N, C-alpha and C. Protein backbone atom coordinates (compact mmCIF):
# COMPACT_ATOMS: atom_id res chain seq x y z
N MET A 1 354.69 -23.55 17.89
CA MET A 1 354.26 -24.50 17.11
C MET A 1 353.36 -25.55 17.81
N ILE A 2 352.46 -25.11 18.47
CA ILE A 2 351.39 -25.93 19.15
C ILE A 2 350.68 -27.01 18.42
N SER A 3 350.40 -26.61 17.20
CA SER A 3 349.56 -27.42 16.15
C SER A 3 350.34 -28.76 15.80
N THR A 4 351.83 -28.56 15.71
CA THR A 4 352.47 -29.84 15.32
C THR A 4 352.80 -30.69 16.37
N ALA A 5 352.71 -30.21 17.49
CA ALA A 5 353.01 -30.99 18.83
C ALA A 5 351.85 -31.91 19.17
N LEU A 6 350.66 -31.45 18.75
CA LEU A 6 349.49 -32.15 19.13
C LEU A 6 349.06 -33.14 17.98
N ASN A 7 348.20 -34.13 18.39
CA ASN A 7 347.71 -35.02 17.40
C ASN A 7 346.39 -34.72 17.05
N TRP A 8 346.21 -34.01 15.79
CA TRP A 8 344.87 -33.54 15.17
C TRP A 8 344.33 -34.53 14.17
N GLU A 9 343.11 -34.75 14.28
CA GLU A 9 342.35 -35.57 13.36
C GLU A 9 341.39 -34.89 12.65
N PRO A 10 341.07 -34.99 11.18
CA PRO A 10 339.97 -34.37 10.55
C PRO A 10 338.69 -34.44 11.21
N ALA A 11 337.99 -33.30 11.24
CA ALA A 11 336.58 -33.43 11.71
C ALA A 11 335.61 -33.04 10.61
N ALA A 12 335.97 -31.90 9.86
CA ALA A 12 335.09 -31.39 8.73
C ALA A 12 335.78 -30.75 7.82
N PHE A 13 335.38 -30.80 6.48
CA PHE A 13 335.87 -30.14 5.31
C PHE A 13 334.87 -29.51 4.61
N LEU A 14 334.85 -28.14 4.38
CA LEU A 14 334.03 -27.26 3.82
C LEU A 14 334.50 -26.49 2.54
N ALA A 15 333.96 -26.71 1.35
CA ALA A 15 334.24 -25.76 0.33
C ALA A 15 333.09 -24.77 0.10
N VAL A 16 333.48 -23.44 0.43
CA VAL A 16 332.38 -22.51 0.32
C VAL A 16 332.74 -21.55 -0.75
N ILE A 17 331.62 -21.30 -1.67
CA ILE A 17 331.73 -20.45 -2.85
C ILE A 17 330.97 -19.15 -2.39
N GLY A 18 331.77 -18.13 -2.81
CA GLY A 18 331.05 -16.70 -2.54
C GLY A 18 332.27 -15.84 -2.30
N LEU A 19 332.06 -14.55 -2.21
CA LEU A 19 332.97 -13.47 -1.99
C LEU A 19 333.21 -13.43 -0.59
N PRO A 20 334.60 -13.87 -0.04
CA PRO A 20 334.81 -13.69 1.38
C PRO A 20 334.66 -12.25 1.85
N GLY A 21 334.06 -11.98 2.94
CA GLY A 21 333.70 -10.73 3.44
C GLY A 21 334.40 -10.56 4.81
N PRO A 22 335.22 -9.41 5.04
CA PRO A 22 335.92 -9.25 6.24
C PRO A 22 334.93 -8.66 7.22
N GLN A 23 334.96 -9.17 8.50
CA GLN A 23 334.20 -8.63 9.45
C GLN A 23 334.97 -7.57 10.27
N GLY A 24 334.82 -6.36 9.95
CA GLY A 24 335.56 -5.13 10.46
C GLY A 24 334.87 -4.37 11.31
N SER A 25 334.97 -3.12 11.16
CA SER A 25 334.28 -2.09 12.17
C SER A 25 332.99 -2.15 11.80
N LYS A 26 332.20 -1.55 12.90
CA LYS A 26 330.68 -1.32 12.93
C LYS A 26 330.69 0.18 12.90
N LYS A 27 329.47 0.54 12.32
CA LYS A 27 329.17 2.00 12.36
C LYS A 27 327.94 2.24 13.00
N LEU A 28 327.73 3.28 13.74
CA LEU A 28 326.70 3.63 14.58
C LEU A 28 325.67 4.39 13.63
N VAL A 29 324.41 3.74 13.58
CA VAL A 29 323.28 4.37 12.64
C VAL A 29 322.17 4.89 13.47
N GLY A 30 322.28 4.90 14.79
CA GLY A 30 321.17 5.58 15.41
C GLY A 30 321.10 5.09 16.84
N ARG A 31 320.04 5.33 17.52
CA ARG A 31 320.02 4.87 18.99
C ARG A 31 318.47 4.14 19.06
N ASP A 32 318.39 3.11 19.97
CA ASP A 32 317.08 2.53 20.05
C ASP A 32 316.28 3.32 21.22
N SER A 33 315.16 2.85 21.52
CA SER A 33 314.05 3.57 22.37
C SER A 33 314.71 3.92 23.81
N LYS A 34 315.76 2.92 23.96
CA LYS A 34 316.38 3.07 25.48
C LYS A 34 317.72 3.78 25.42
N GLY A 35 317.99 4.49 24.22
CA GLY A 35 319.18 5.22 24.09
C GLY A 35 320.52 4.46 23.78
N ARG A 36 320.35 3.06 23.69
CA ARG A 36 321.59 2.27 23.15
C ARG A 36 321.82 2.35 21.68
N GLY A 37 323.16 2.43 21.42
CA GLY A 37 323.52 2.59 20.02
C GLY A 37 323.10 1.47 19.17
N ILE A 38 322.73 1.63 17.88
CA ILE A 38 322.34 0.54 16.88
C ILE A 38 323.66 0.55 16.07
N LEU A 39 324.38 -0.67 16.13
CA LEU A 39 325.45 -0.85 15.14
C LEU A 39 325.23 -1.85 13.95
N VAL A 40 325.82 -1.42 12.94
CA VAL A 40 325.70 -2.35 11.81
C VAL A 40 327.14 -2.48 11.02
N GLU A 41 327.25 -3.62 10.48
CA GLU A 41 328.61 -3.87 9.79
C GLU A 41 328.92 -2.78 8.84
N SER A 42 330.12 -2.41 8.67
CA SER A 42 330.46 -1.28 7.76
C SER A 42 330.67 -1.84 6.30
N SER A 43 330.73 -3.25 6.29
CA SER A 43 330.91 -3.87 4.89
C SER A 43 329.69 -4.54 4.59
N ALA A 44 329.20 -4.29 3.30
CA ALA A 44 328.01 -5.19 2.86
C ALA A 44 328.43 -6.55 2.64
N LYS A 45 329.61 -6.93 2.41
CA LYS A 45 330.06 -8.23 2.03
C LYS A 45 329.92 -9.22 3.16
N VAL A 46 329.86 -8.82 4.45
CA VAL A 46 329.90 -9.67 5.60
C VAL A 46 328.61 -10.72 5.66
N LYS A 47 327.69 -10.04 5.45
CA LYS A 47 326.36 -11.06 5.62
C LYS A 47 326.24 -11.95 4.66
N PRO A 48 326.47 -11.85 3.30
CA PRO A 48 326.34 -12.90 2.35
C PRO A 48 327.45 -13.91 2.43
N TRP A 49 328.61 -13.50 3.00
CA TRP A 49 329.63 -14.38 3.15
C TRP A 49 329.32 -15.33 4.44
N ARG A 50 328.95 -14.64 5.57
CA ARG A 50 328.60 -15.47 6.70
C ARG A 50 327.39 -16.40 6.26
N GLU A 51 326.49 -16.12 5.53
CA GLU A 51 325.31 -17.01 5.14
C GLU A 51 325.87 -18.17 4.45
N ALA A 52 326.83 -17.87 3.49
CA ALA A 52 327.31 -18.94 2.75
C ALA A 52 328.15 -20.00 3.72
N VAL A 53 328.96 -19.52 4.41
CA VAL A 53 329.67 -20.28 5.39
C VAL A 53 328.70 -21.09 6.16
N LYS A 54 327.67 -20.55 6.88
CA LYS A 54 326.78 -21.05 7.66
C LYS A 54 325.96 -22.30 6.88
N THR A 55 325.59 -21.94 5.70
CA THR A 55 324.94 -22.96 5.03
C THR A 55 325.92 -24.19 4.67
N ALA A 56 326.98 -23.84 4.33
CA ALA A 56 328.00 -25.08 4.04
C ALA A 56 328.35 -25.99 5.26
N ALA A 57 328.44 -25.20 6.48
CA ALA A 57 328.68 -25.87 7.83
C ALA A 57 327.49 -26.60 8.32
N CYS A 58 326.37 -26.10 8.16
CA CYS A 58 325.19 -26.83 8.63
C CYS A 58 324.89 -28.01 7.82
N ALA A 59 325.26 -28.13 6.62
CA ALA A 59 325.10 -29.43 5.72
C ALA A 59 326.12 -30.54 6.23
N THR A 60 327.14 -30.12 6.97
CA THR A 60 328.13 -31.18 7.52
C THR A 60 327.42 -31.82 8.50
N GLY A 61 326.56 -31.30 9.45
CA GLY A 61 326.12 -31.90 10.68
C GLY A 61 327.21 -32.19 11.73
N VAL A 62 328.29 -31.54 11.61
CA VAL A 62 329.31 -31.66 12.68
C VAL A 62 329.16 -30.69 13.74
N ARG A 63 329.43 -31.35 14.78
CA ARG A 63 329.35 -30.45 16.21
C ARG A 63 330.52 -30.87 16.93
N LEU A 64 331.42 -29.87 17.36
CA LEU A 64 332.82 -30.03 17.93
C LEU A 64 332.78 -29.43 19.41
N ASN A 65 333.30 -30.38 20.23
CA ASN A 65 333.57 -29.91 21.59
C ASN A 65 334.95 -30.12 21.81
N GLY A 66 335.50 -29.21 22.69
CA GLY A 66 336.91 -29.36 23.11
C GLY A 66 337.72 -28.49 22.09
N PRO A 67 339.12 -28.61 22.17
CA PRO A 67 339.95 -27.76 21.36
C PRO A 67 339.81 -28.08 19.85
N VAL A 68 339.84 -27.04 18.96
CA VAL A 68 339.71 -27.19 17.68
C VAL A 68 340.87 -26.42 16.92
N ARG A 69 341.32 -27.09 15.79
CA ARG A 69 342.27 -26.38 14.95
C ARG A 69 341.46 -25.94 13.76
N LEU A 70 341.66 -24.83 13.08
CA LEU A 70 340.95 -24.26 12.02
C LEU A 70 342.12 -23.90 10.87
N VAL A 71 341.87 -24.30 9.81
CA VAL A 71 342.86 -24.17 8.64
C VAL A 71 341.91 -23.76 7.56
N VAL A 72 342.20 -22.32 7.01
CA VAL A 72 341.31 -21.80 6.01
C VAL A 72 342.12 -21.17 4.91
N THR A 73 341.62 -21.42 3.68
CA THR A 73 342.23 -20.75 2.64
C THR A 73 341.41 -20.00 1.91
N PHE A 74 341.49 -18.67 1.81
CA PHE A 74 340.47 -17.85 1.16
C PHE A 74 340.91 -17.59 -0.27
N THR A 75 340.03 -17.86 -1.17
CA THR A 75 340.41 -17.49 -2.62
C THR A 75 339.63 -16.08 -2.96
N LEU A 76 340.46 -15.20 -3.35
CA LEU A 76 339.90 -13.87 -3.61
C LEU A 76 339.92 -13.55 -5.02
N PRO A 77 339.11 -12.52 -5.58
CA PRO A 77 339.13 -12.35 -6.98
C PRO A 77 340.68 -11.73 -7.32
N LYS A 78 340.97 -12.08 -8.43
CA LYS A 78 342.45 -11.49 -8.92
C LYS A 78 342.00 -10.13 -9.70
N PRO A 79 342.75 -9.19 -9.15
CA PRO A 79 342.59 -7.87 -9.81
C PRO A 79 342.78 -7.92 -11.41
N LYS A 80 341.98 -7.19 -12.14
CA LYS A 80 342.17 -7.13 -13.56
C LYS A 80 343.64 -6.55 -13.96
N SER A 81 344.12 -5.79 -13.13
CA SER A 81 345.60 -5.26 -13.35
C SER A 81 346.74 -6.19 -13.07
N ALA A 82 346.46 -7.33 -12.42
CA ALA A 82 347.37 -8.31 -12.03
C ALA A 82 347.76 -9.02 -13.30
N PRO A 83 349.11 -9.46 -13.31
CA PRO A 83 349.64 -10.28 -14.50
C PRO A 83 348.66 -11.65 -14.54
N LYS A 84 348.60 -11.98 -15.95
CA LYS A 84 347.71 -13.20 -16.08
C LYS A 84 348.61 -14.45 -16.04
N THR A 85 349.80 -14.38 -16.43
CA THR A 85 350.67 -15.56 -16.78
C THR A 85 351.63 -15.82 -15.58
N ARG A 86 351.62 -15.13 -14.59
CA ARG A 86 352.48 -15.64 -13.39
C ARG A 86 351.71 -15.39 -12.22
N ARG A 87 352.31 -16.13 -11.21
CA ARG A 87 351.53 -16.07 -9.85
C ARG A 87 351.89 -14.78 -9.13
N THR A 88 350.80 -14.43 -8.62
CA THR A 88 350.85 -13.08 -7.81
C THR A 88 350.26 -13.34 -6.38
N TRP A 89 350.39 -12.31 -5.57
CA TRP A 89 350.09 -12.46 -4.13
C TRP A 89 348.97 -11.41 -3.78
N PRO A 90 347.93 -11.94 -3.05
CA PRO A 90 346.83 -10.91 -2.68
C PRO A 90 347.39 -10.28 -1.46
N ASP A 91 348.38 -9.31 -1.55
CA ASP A 91 348.88 -8.67 -0.32
C ASP A 91 348.21 -7.28 -0.23
N ARG A 92 346.97 -7.09 -0.53
CA ARG A 92 346.05 -5.86 -0.32
C ARG A 92 344.83 -6.27 0.45
N LYS A 93 344.06 -5.25 0.62
CA LYS A 93 342.83 -5.72 1.34
C LYS A 93 342.08 -6.67 0.58
N PRO A 94 341.29 -7.53 1.26
CA PRO A 94 340.77 -7.48 2.78
C PRO A 94 341.89 -8.04 3.72
N ASP A 95 341.78 -7.51 4.84
CA ASP A 95 342.65 -8.03 5.95
C ASP A 95 342.35 -9.56 6.28
N LEU A 96 343.41 -10.29 6.27
CA LEU A 96 343.32 -11.86 6.68
C LEU A 96 342.47 -12.11 7.98
N SER A 97 342.92 -11.33 9.02
CA SER A 97 342.42 -11.70 10.23
C SER A 97 340.94 -11.28 10.37
N LYS A 98 340.60 -10.41 9.69
CA LYS A 98 339.07 -9.89 9.51
C LYS A 98 338.24 -11.11 8.79
N LEU A 99 338.98 -11.60 7.82
CA LEU A 99 338.29 -12.57 7.09
C LEU A 99 338.06 -13.86 7.85
N VAL A 100 339.13 -14.16 8.77
CA VAL A 100 338.98 -15.20 9.70
C VAL A 100 337.82 -15.09 10.75
N ARG A 101 337.81 -13.79 11.25
CA ARG A 101 336.88 -13.40 12.20
C ARG A 101 335.48 -13.63 11.71
N SER A 102 335.08 -13.30 10.44
CA SER A 102 333.79 -13.46 10.02
C SER A 102 333.42 -14.83 9.80
N THR A 103 334.56 -15.59 9.28
CA THR A 103 334.18 -17.00 9.06
C THR A 103 334.19 -17.68 10.42
N GLU A 104 334.86 -17.44 11.44
CA GLU A 104 334.76 -18.13 12.87
C GLU A 104 333.29 -17.78 13.27
N ASP A 105 332.86 -16.56 13.14
CA ASP A 105 331.44 -16.17 13.67
C ASP A 105 330.32 -16.83 12.94
N ALA A 106 330.56 -17.21 11.56
CA ALA A 106 329.64 -18.03 10.94
C ALA A 106 329.63 -19.33 11.39
N LEU A 107 330.64 -20.01 11.58
CA LEU A 107 330.77 -21.31 12.04
C LEU A 107 330.23 -21.34 13.49
N THR A 108 330.33 -20.37 14.30
CA THR A 108 329.56 -20.30 15.62
C THR A 108 328.02 -20.36 15.40
N ASP A 109 327.62 -19.50 14.41
CA ASP A 109 326.21 -19.32 14.22
C ASP A 109 325.55 -20.72 13.62
N ALA A 110 326.35 -21.46 12.91
CA ALA A 110 326.04 -22.55 12.35
C ALA A 110 326.04 -23.80 13.49
N GLY A 111 326.47 -23.63 14.42
CA GLY A 111 326.39 -24.70 15.74
C GLY A 111 327.55 -25.62 15.60
N ILE A 112 328.61 -25.30 14.73
CA ILE A 112 329.76 -26.16 14.65
C ILE A 112 330.50 -26.31 16.01
N TRP A 113 330.59 -25.16 16.78
CA TRP A 113 331.03 -25.19 18.11
C TRP A 113 330.12 -24.21 18.91
N GLU A 114 330.44 -24.46 20.21
CA GLU A 114 329.72 -23.51 21.16
C GLU A 114 330.17 -22.06 20.86
N ASP A 115 331.47 -21.90 20.92
CA ASP A 115 332.08 -20.60 20.74
C ASP A 115 333.33 -20.57 19.94
N ASP A 116 333.60 -19.48 19.24
CA ASP A 116 335.02 -19.62 18.63
C ASP A 116 336.17 -19.53 19.55
N SER A 117 336.02 -19.52 20.84
CA SER A 117 337.05 -19.61 21.78
C SER A 117 337.55 -21.00 21.76
N ARG A 118 336.91 -21.89 21.27
CA ARG A 118 337.26 -23.28 21.23
C ARG A 118 338.37 -23.52 20.36
N VAL A 119 338.65 -22.55 19.32
CA VAL A 119 339.91 -22.60 18.47
C VAL A 119 341.04 -22.16 19.21
N ILE A 120 341.99 -23.19 19.16
CA ILE A 120 343.31 -23.05 19.91
C ILE A 120 344.47 -22.98 18.94
N SER A 121 344.18 -23.23 17.68
CA SER A 121 345.17 -23.18 16.61
C SER A 121 344.53 -22.68 15.28
N THR A 122 345.04 -21.89 14.55
CA THR A 122 344.68 -21.24 13.42
C THR A 122 345.65 -21.19 12.36
N GLU A 123 345.50 -21.59 11.12
CA GLU A 123 346.26 -21.37 9.96
C GLU A 123 345.38 -20.73 8.92
N SER A 124 345.87 -19.54 8.32
CA SER A 124 344.94 -19.03 7.26
C SER A 124 345.96 -18.58 6.18
N HIS A 125 345.28 -18.49 4.90
CA HIS A 125 346.04 -17.90 3.82
C HIS A 125 345.14 -17.22 2.79
N LYS A 126 345.65 -16.28 1.99
CA LYS A 126 344.92 -15.63 0.95
C LYS A 126 345.58 -16.24 -0.34
N VAL A 127 344.76 -16.44 -1.30
CA VAL A 127 345.26 -16.88 -2.62
C VAL A 127 344.38 -16.24 -3.80
N PHE A 128 344.96 -16.17 -4.95
CA PHE A 128 343.91 -15.91 -6.11
C PHE A 128 343.59 -17.37 -6.82
N PRO A 129 342.52 -17.14 -7.42
CA PRO A 129 341.96 -18.36 -8.20
C PRO A 129 343.03 -19.20 -8.90
N ASN A 130 343.20 -20.55 -8.56
CA ASN A 130 344.04 -21.50 -9.39
C ASN A 130 345.47 -21.10 -9.05
N GLU A 131 345.92 -20.47 -8.01
CA GLU A 131 347.27 -20.06 -7.70
C GLU A 131 347.60 -20.54 -6.32
N GLY A 132 347.77 -21.76 -6.10
CA GLY A 132 348.29 -22.18 -4.86
C GLY A 132 347.41 -23.46 -4.34
N GLN A 133 347.97 -24.03 -3.28
CA GLN A 133 347.23 -25.16 -2.52
C GLN A 133 345.91 -24.65 -2.01
N ASP A 134 344.98 -25.53 -2.24
CA ASP A 134 343.51 -25.16 -1.91
C ASP A 134 343.04 -23.98 -2.45
N ALA A 135 343.62 -23.52 -3.62
CA ALA A 135 343.00 -22.41 -4.22
C ALA A 135 341.76 -23.00 -5.03
N LEU A 136 340.68 -22.32 -4.96
CA LEU A 136 339.57 -22.57 -5.80
C LEU A 136 339.55 -21.93 -7.21
N ASP A 137 338.76 -22.20 -7.97
CA ASP A 137 338.79 -21.61 -9.43
C ASP A 137 338.03 -20.45 -9.39
N ARG A 138 337.26 -19.96 -8.17
CA ARG A 138 336.55 -18.71 -8.05
C ARG A 138 336.56 -18.29 -6.68
N PRO A 139 336.04 -17.29 -6.36
CA PRO A 139 336.23 -16.85 -4.99
C PRO A 139 335.36 -17.68 -3.93
N GLY A 140 335.95 -17.94 -2.78
CA GLY A 140 335.30 -18.77 -1.81
C GLY A 140 336.38 -19.14 -0.75
N ALA A 141 336.25 -20.28 -0.16
CA ALA A 141 337.35 -20.72 0.74
C ALA A 141 337.24 -22.22 0.97
N ILE A 142 338.32 -22.83 1.30
CA ILE A 142 338.44 -24.17 1.72
C ILE A 142 338.68 -24.07 3.22
N ILE A 143 337.80 -24.75 3.98
CA ILE A 143 337.93 -24.75 5.50
C ILE A 143 337.92 -26.09 6.04
N ARG A 144 339.14 -26.25 6.76
CA ARG A 144 339.33 -27.67 7.51
C ARG A 144 339.23 -27.53 8.93
N LEU A 145 338.54 -28.28 9.62
CA LEU A 145 338.19 -28.21 10.97
C LEU A 145 339.00 -29.54 11.65
N MET A 146 339.75 -29.47 12.57
CA MET A 146 340.29 -30.63 13.13
C MET A 146 340.12 -30.69 14.68
N ARG A 147 340.07 -31.82 15.30
CA ARG A 147 339.82 -32.00 16.58
C ARG A 147 341.02 -32.84 17.20
N LEU A 148 341.36 -32.71 18.45
CA LEU A 148 342.42 -33.54 19.06
C LEU A 148 341.97 -34.96 19.12
N ALA A 149 342.99 -35.96 18.71
CA ALA A 149 342.77 -37.25 18.63
C ALA A 149 342.95 -37.90 19.99
């Protein structure tokens, strides 16, 4: 429980609207002129998600140095087959750790931090719209960044 033993202060709050895309495996699509493999993301959802996160992050103007705590809640689309009148849990794909990976990489691209190795504590959740703390009313994510006080 390292995050509770340290004194964290809020550094940035982002509300990102868009379909969270997991950064998973890459597939080989060919070779360049030097014989090196050309790899692309296997999921088409990654690029738009990373762009949405990057846009929201750049708008904050925040740059973090030193240890960072990341708390993120992903709101995923609720399946049509799921009950409408009671809370359900998104215990299927996409993989939570892959959602975090794509989000961290987007924050790196936005210049929030030098590298995602700055993150020493992470808390992440998957929820459906309007079902739980920090759940949005549509797909997206609430991202909270904290620095040591």
